[in-house]
Amino acid sequence: MPEQEEPLLNSGDTVKVTAGEFKGKQAKVISAYNNSISVEFDIRLEDGTKPRTVLKHSEYDVIEEK
C-alpha cells in the first residue's frame, strides 16, 4: 500500500487542530516532518509562555491563507 502523501507545509503556515487537548484551536507551524509537524499556539499560558506540541498529519487541517 503506497504511503499517503500529505500537503507540504512551511514554517509559519496556519493549521487547525482536529484532535487532542487543543482540538479546535489554530496554531502556526514551526517545522514539518515525515509523519508529524511541530506547532506553536497563539494563546498564552498562566506563566506567559505559548504552548507548543507535535501533531500527527491526521490531527490537523491546513488553513488556506487568503
PDB file of N, CA and C in Angstrom:
ATOM      1  N   MET A   1       0.848  -1.181   0.000  1.00  0.00           N
ATOM      2  CA  MET A   1       0.000   0.000   0.000  1.00  0.00           C
ATOM      3  C   MET A   1       0.892   1.242   0.000  1.00  0.00           C
ATOM      4  N   PRO A   2       0.726   2.146  -0.960  1.00  0.00           N
ATOM      5  CA  PRO A   2       1.583   3.331  -1.010  1.00  0.00           C
ATOM      6  C   PRO A   2       1.292   4.276   0.148  1.00  0.00           C
ATOM      7  N   GLU A   3       2.356   4.954   0.574  1.00  0.00           N
ATOM      8  CA  GLU A   3       2.215   5.915   1.672  1.00  0.00           C
ATOM      9  C   GLU A   3       1.404   7.112   1.195  1.00  0.00           C
ATOM     10  N   GLN A   4       0.486   7.562   2.044  1.00  0.00           N
ATOM     11  CA  GLN A   4      -0.347   8.716   1.692  1.00  0.00           C
ATOM     12  C   GLN A   4       0.499   9.972   1.720  1.00  0.00           C
ATOM     13  N   GLU A   5       0.391  10.767   0.676  1.00  0.00           N
ATOM     14  CA  GLU A   5       1.161  11.996   0.590  1.00  0.00           C
ATOM     15  C   GLU A   5       0.398  13.133   1.260  1.00  0.00           C
ATOM     16  N   GLU A   6       1.058  13.834   2.159  1.00  0.00           N
ATOM     17  CA  GLU A   6       0.445  14.941   2.884  1.00  0.00           C
ATOM     18  C   GLU A   6       0.805  16.260   2.205  1.00  0.00           C
ATOM     19  N   PRO A   7      -0.016  17.296   2.425  1.00  0.00           N
ATOM     20  CA  PRO A   7       0.315  18.595   1.841  1.00  0.00           C
ATOM     21  C   PRO A   7       1.631  19.118   2.405  1.00  0.00           C
ATOM     22  N   LEU A   8       2.387  19.776   1.563  1.00  0.00           N
ATOM     23  CA  LEU A   8       3.638  20.357   2.024  1.00  0.00           C
ATOM     24  C   LEU A   8       3.344  21.600   2.847  1.00  0.00           C
ATOM     25  N   LEU A   9       3.944  21.681   4.005  1.00  0.00           N
ATOM     26  CA  LEU A   9       3.751  22.828   4.894  1.00  0.00           C
ATOM     27  C   LEU A   9       5.080  23.527   5.085  1.00  0.00           C
ATOM     28  N   ASN A  10       4.998  24.822   5.266  1.00  0.00           N
ATOM     29  CA  ASN A  10       6.183  25.618   5.534  1.00  0.00           C
ATOM     30  C   ASN A  10       6.073  26.224   6.919  1.00  0.00           C
ATOM     31  N   SER A  11       7.194  26.605   7.476  1.00  0.00           N
ATOM     32  CA  SER A  11       7.201  27.288   8.754  1.00  0.00           C
ATOM     33  C   SER A  11       6.354  28.555   8.647  1.00  0.00           C
ATOM     34  N   GLY A  12       5.465  28.752   9.613  1.00  0.00           N
ATOM     35  CA  GLY A  12       4.600  29.925   9.599  1.00  0.00           C
ATOM     36  C   GLY A  12       3.212  29.675   9.045  1.00  0.00           C
ATOM     37  N   ASP A  13       2.991  28.530   8.354  1.00  0.00           N
ATOM     38  CA  ASP A  13       1.653  28.189   7.876  1.00  0.00           C
ATOM     39  C   ASP A  13       0.717  27.972   9.065  1.00  0.00           C
ATOM     40  N   THR A  14      -0.577  28.173   8.853  1.00  0.00           N
ATOM     41  CA  THR A  14      -1.561  28.024   9.918  1.00  0.00           C
ATOM     42  C   THR A  14      -2.345  26.735   9.726  1.00  0.00           C
ATOM     43  N   VAL A  15      -2.553  26.009  10.839  1.00  0.00           N
ATOM     44  CA  VAL A  15      -3.350  24.786  10.826  1.00  0.00           C
ATOM     45  C   VAL A  15      -4.401  24.867  11.940  1.00  0.00           C
ATOM     46  N   LYS A  16      -5.473  24.078  11.788  1.00  0.00           N
ATOM     47  CA  LYS A  16      -6.496  23.956  12.824  1.00  0.00           C
ATOM     48  C   LYS A  16      -6.429  22.536  13.367  1.00  0.00           C
ATOM     49  N   VAL A  17      -6.303  22.408  14.682  1.00  0.00           N
ATOM     50  CA  VAL A  17      -6.168  21.109  15.327  1.00  0.00           C
ATOM     51  C   VAL A  17      -7.528  20.404  15.341  1.00  0.00           C
ATOM     52  N   THR A  18      -7.543  19.131  14.952  1.00  0.00           N
ATOM     53  CA  THR A  18      -8.799  18.371  14.882  1.00  0.00           C
ATOM     54  C   THR A  18      -8.879  17.257  15.916  1.00  0.00           C
ATOM     55  N   ALA A  19      -7.851  17.095  16.751  1.00  0.00           N
ATOM     56  CA  ALA A  19      -7.859  16.039  17.763  1.00  0.00           C
ATOM     57  C   ALA A  19      -6.965  16.432  18.936  1.00  0.00           C
ATOM     58  N   GLY A  20      -7.272  15.871  20.102  1.00  0.00           N
ATOM     59  CA  GLY A  20      -6.414  16.061  21.259  1.00  0.00           C
ATOM     60  C   GLY A  20      -6.802  17.235  22.136  1.00  0.00           C
ATOM     61  N   GLU A  21      -5.902  17.579  23.041  1.00  0.00           N
ATOM     62  CA  GLU A  21      -6.122  18.619  24.050  1.00  0.00           C
ATOM     63  C   GLU A  21      -6.454  19.986  23.447  1.00  0.00           C
ATOM     64  N   PHE A  22      -5.868  20.313  22.310  1.00  0.00           N
ATOM     65  CA  PHE A  22      -6.053  21.625  21.696  1.00  0.00           C
ATOM     66  C   PHE A  22      -7.030  21.607  20.524  1.00  0.00           C
ATOM     67  N   LYS A  23      -7.924  20.623  20.478  1.00  0.00           N
ATOM     68  CA  LYS A  23      -8.892  20.485  19.385  1.00  0.00           C
ATOM     69  C   LYS A  23      -9.673  21.781  19.198  1.00  0.00           C
ATOM     70  N   GLY A  24      -9.757  22.240  17.928  1.00  0.00           N
ATOM     71  CA  GLY A  24     -10.480  23.459  17.598  1.00  0.00           C
ATOM     72  C   GLY A  24      -9.630  24.718  17.611  1.00  0.00           C
ATOM     73  N   LYS A  25      -8.416  24.648  18.116  1.00  0.00           N
ATOM     74  CA  LYS A  25      -7.524  25.807  18.179  1.00  0.00           C
ATOM     75  C   LYS A  25      -6.685  25.895  16.905  1.00  0.00           C
ATOM     76  N   GLN A  26      -6.270  27.120  16.589  1.00  0.00           N
ATOM     77  CA  GLN A  26      -5.373  27.337  15.458  1.00  0.00           C
ATOM     78  C   GLN A  26      -3.947  27.452  15.971  1.00  0.00           C
ATOM     79  N   ALA A  27      -3.011  27.031  15.130  1.00  0.00           N
ATOM     80  CA  ALA A  27      -1.600  27.072  15.505  1.00  0.00           C
ATOM     81  C   ALA A  27      -0.758  27.363  14.276  1.00  0.00           C
ATOM     82  N   LYS A  28       0.438  27.873  14.510  1.00  0.00           N
ATOM     83  CA  LYS A  28       1.404  28.142  13.438  1.00  0.00           C
ATOM     84  C   LYS A  28       2.433  27.014  13.412  1.00  0.00           C
ATOM     85  N   VAL A  29       2.766  26.580  12.215  1.00  0.00           N
ATOM     86  CA  VAL A  29       3.742  25.503  12.029  1.00  0.00           C
ATOM     87  C   VAL A  29       5.142  26.028  12.360  1.00  0.00           C
ATOM     88  N   ILE A  30       5.854  25.265  13.187  1.00  0.00           N
ATOM     89  CA  ILE A  30       7.253  25.565  13.473  1.00  0.00           C
ATOM     90  C   ILE A  30       8.120  24.814  12.463  1.00  0.00           C
ATOM     91  N   SER A  31       7.824  23.509  12.322  1.00  0.00           N
ATOM     92  CA  SER A  31       8.595  22.671  11.415  1.00  0.00           C
ATOM     93  C   SER A  31       7.749  21.473  10.984  1.00  0.00           C
ATOM     94  N   ALA A  32       7.958  21.002   9.757  1.00  0.00           N
ATOM     95  CA  ALA A  32       7.236  19.836   9.241  1.00  0.00           C
ATOM     96  C   ALA A  32       8.192  18.658   9.134  1.00  0.00           C
ATOM     97  N   TYR A  33       7.700  17.467   9.484  1.00  0.00           N
ATOM     98  CA  TYR A  33       8.480  16.235   9.442  1.00  0.00           C
ATOM     99  C   TYR A  33       7.742  15.214   8.583  1.00  0.00           C
ATOM    100  N   ASN A  34       8.307  14.018   8.402  1.00  0.00           N
ATOM    101  CA  ASN A  34       7.681  12.972   7.589  1.00  0.00           C
ATOM    102  C   ASN A  34       6.307  12.575   8.111  1.00  0.00           C
ATOM    103  N   ASN A  35       6.185  12.335   9.408  1.00  0.00           N
ATOM    104  CA  ASN A  35       4.953  11.816   9.981  1.00  0.00           C
ATOM    105  C   ASN A  35       4.245  12.794  10.909  1.00  0.00           C
ATOM    106  N   SER A  36       4.776  14.000  11.069  1.00  0.00           N
ATOM    107  CA  SER A  36       4.197  14.941  12.025  1.00  0.00           C
ATOM    108  C   SER A  36       4.649  16.373  11.724  1.00  0.00           C
ATOM    109  N   ILE A  37       4.083  17.302  12.503  1.00  0.00           N
ATOM    110  CA  ILE A  37       4.529  18.695  12.458  1.00  0.00           C
ATOM    111  C   ILE A  37       4.636  19.201  13.892  1.00  0.00           C
ATOM    112  N   SER A  38       5.496  20.170  14.130  1.00  0.00           N
ATOM    113  CA  SER A  38       5.527  20.841  15.423  1.00  0.00           C
ATOM    114  C   SER A  38       4.868  22.204  15.242  1.00  0.00           C
ATOM    115  N   VAL A  39       4.059  22.601  16.233  1.00  0.00           N
ATOM    116  CA  VAL A  39       3.293  23.840  16.135  1.00  0.00           C
ATOM    117  C   VAL A  39       3.385  24.643  17.423  1.00  0.00           C
ATOM    118  N   GLU A  40       3.089  25.944  17.299  1.00  0.00           N
ATOM    119  CA  GLU A  40       3.005  26.845  18.451  1.00  0.00           C
ATOM    120  C   GLU A  40       1.654  27.557  18.382  1.00  0.00           C
ATOM    121  N   PHE A  41       0.969  27.617  19.511  1.00  0.00           N
ATOM    122  CA  PHE A  41      -0.340  28.254  19.582  1.00  0.00           C
ATOM    123  C   PHE A  41      -0.213  29.730  19.917  1.00  0.00           C
ATOM    124  N   ASP A  42      -1.212  30.535  19.532  1.00  0.00           N
ATOM    125  CA  ASP A  42      -1.196  31.968  19.810  1.00  0.00           C
ATOM    126  C   ASP A  42      -1.666  32.293  21.222  1.00  0.00           C
ATOM    127  N   ILE A  43      -2.232  31.315  21.921  1.00  0.00           N
ATOM    128  CA  ILE A  43      -2.699  31.555  23.288  1.00  0.00           C
ATOM    129  C   ILE A  43      -1.507  31.571  24.240  1.00  0.00           C
ATOM    130  N   ARG A  44      -1.696  32.190  25.395  1.00  0.00           N
ATOM    131  CA  ARG A  44      -0.636  32.231  26.405  1.00  0.00           C
ATOM    132  C   ARG A  44      -1.083  31.473  27.648  1.00  0.00           C
ATOM    133  N   LEU A  45      -0.157  30.731  28.239  1.00  0.00           N
ATOM    134  CA  LEU A  45      -0.421  30.029  29.482  1.00  0.00           C
ATOM    135  C   LEU A  45      -0.265  30.995  30.652  1.00  0.00           C
ATOM    136  N   GLU A  46      -0.591  30.542  31.852  1.00  0.00           N
ATOM    137  CA  GLU A  46      -0.502  31.393  33.039  1.00  0.00           C
ATOM    138  C   GLU A  46       0.901  31.949  33.267  1.00  0.00           C
ATOM    139  N   ASP A  47       1.925  31.183  32.892  1.00  0.00           N
ATOM    140  CA  ASP A  47       3.306  31.647  33.086  1.00  0.00           C
ATOM    141  C   ASP A  47       3.798  32.535  31.942  1.00  0.00           C
ATOM    142  N   GLY A  48       2.914  32.833  30.965  1.00  0.00           N
ATOM    143  CA  GLY A  48       3.256  33.747  29.880  1.00  0.00           C
ATOM    144  C   GLY A  48       3.839  33.086  28.644  1.00  0.00           C
ATOM    145  N   THR A  49       4.049  31.782  28.689  1.00  0.00           N
ATOM    146  CA  THR A  49       4.603  31.085  27.529  1.00  0.00           C
ATOM    147  C   THR A  49       3.494  30.642  26.577  1.00  0.00           C
ATOM    148  N   LYS A  50       3.873  30.440  25.311  1.00  0.00           N
ATOM    149  CA  LYS A  50       2.944  29.910  24.313  1.00  0.00           C
ATOM    150  C   LYS A  50       3.143  28.399  24.253  1.00  0.00           C
ATOM    151  N   PRO A  51       2.053  27.620  24.337  1.00  0.00           N
ATOM    152  CA  PRO A  51       2.212  26.166  24.276  1.00  0.00           C
ATOM    153  C   PRO A  51       2.660  25.700  22.893  1.00  0.00           C
ATOM    154  N   ARG A  52       3.462  24.645  22.891  1.00  0.00           N
ATOM    155  CA  ARG A  52       3.928  24.000  21.659  1.00  0.00           C
ATOM    156  C   ARG A  52       3.636  22.518  21.772  1.00  0.00           C
ATOM    157  N   THR A  53       3.398  21.885  20.641  1.00  0.00           N
ATOM    158  CA  THR A  53       3.162  20.453  20.629  1.00  0.00           C
ATOM    159  C   THR A  53       3.498  19.876  19.261  1.00  0.00           C
ATOM    160  N   VAL A  54       3.497  18.557  19.168  1.00  0.00           N
ATOM    161  CA  VAL A  54       3.711  17.846  17.910  1.00  0.00           C
ATOM    162  C   VAL A  54       2.401  17.175  17.531  1.00  0.00           C
ATOM    163  N   LEU A  55       1.998  17.309  16.260  1.00  0.00           N
ATOM    164  CA  LEU A  55       0.753  16.733  15.767  1.00  0.00           C
ATOM    165  C   LEU A  55       1.045  15.757  14.637  1.00  0.00           C
ATOM    166  N   LYS A  56       0.350  14.613  14.655  1.00  0.00           N
ATOM    167  CA  LYS A  56       0.406  13.698  13.511  1.00  0.00           C
ATOM    168  C   LYS A  56      -0.365  14.362  12.370  1.00  0.00           C
ATOM    169  N   HIS A  57      -0.090  13.956  11.143  1.00  0.00           N
ATOM    170  CA  HIS A  57      -0.751  14.562   9.990  1.00  0.00           C
ATOM    171  C   HIS A  57      -2.267  14.367  10.021  1.00  0.00           C
ATOM    172  N   SER A  58      -2.759  13.358  10.722  1.00  0.00           N
ATOM    173  CA  SER A  58      -4.197  13.117  10.813  1.00  0.00           C
ATOM    174  C   SER A  58      -4.874  13.988  11.873  1.00  0.00           C
ATOM    175  N   GLU A  59      -4.100  14.782  12.625  1.00  0.00           N
ATOM    176  CA  GLU A  59      -4.645  15.551  13.750  1.00  0.00           C
ATOM    177  C   GLU A  59      -4.822  17.035  13.455  1.00  0.00           C
ATOM    178  N   TYR A  60      -4.733  17.430  12.178  1.00  0.00           N
ATOM    179  CA  TYR A  60      -4.904  18.844  11.847  1.00  0.00           C
ATOM    180  C   TYR A  60      -5.439  19.006  10.423  1.00  0.00           C
ATOM    181  N   ASP A  61      -5.995  20.191  10.162  1.00  0.00           N
ATOM    182  CA  ASP A  61      -6.391  20.599   8.811  1.00  0.00           C
ATOM    183  C   ASP A  61      -5.625  21.858   8.463  1.00  0.00           C
ATOM    184  N   VAL A  62      -5.182  21.958   7.217  1.00  0.00           N
ATOM    185  CA  VAL A  62      -4.459  23.143   6.774  1.00  0.00           C
ATOM    186  C   VAL A  62      -5.458  24.255   6.519  1.00  0.00           C
ATOM    187  N   ILE A  63      -5.164  25.444   7.004  1.00  0.00           N
ATOM    188  CA  ILE A  63      -5.998  26.621   6.758  1.00  0.00           C
ATOM    189  C   ILE A  63      -5.370  27.383   5.610  1.00  0.00           C
ATOM    190  N   GLU A  64      -6.145  27.568   4.554  1.00  0.00           N
ATOM    191  CA  GLU A  64      -5.651  28.281   3.375  1.00  0.00           C
ATOM    192  C   GLU A  64      -5.588  29.774   3.655  1.00  0.00           C
ATOM    193  N   GLU A  65      -4.440  30.381   3.393  1.00  0.00           N
ATOM    194  CA  GLU A  65      -4.276  31.823   3.547  1.00  0.00           C
ATOM    195  C   GLU A  65      -4.919  32.525   2.358  1.00  0.00           C
ATOM    196  N   LYS A  66      -5.640  33.606   2.611  1.00  0.00           N
ATOM    197  CA  LYS A  66      -6.303  34.330   1.524  1.00  0.00           C
ATOM    198  C   LYS A  66      -5.729  35.708   1.353  1.00  0.00           C
TER     199      LYS A  66
END
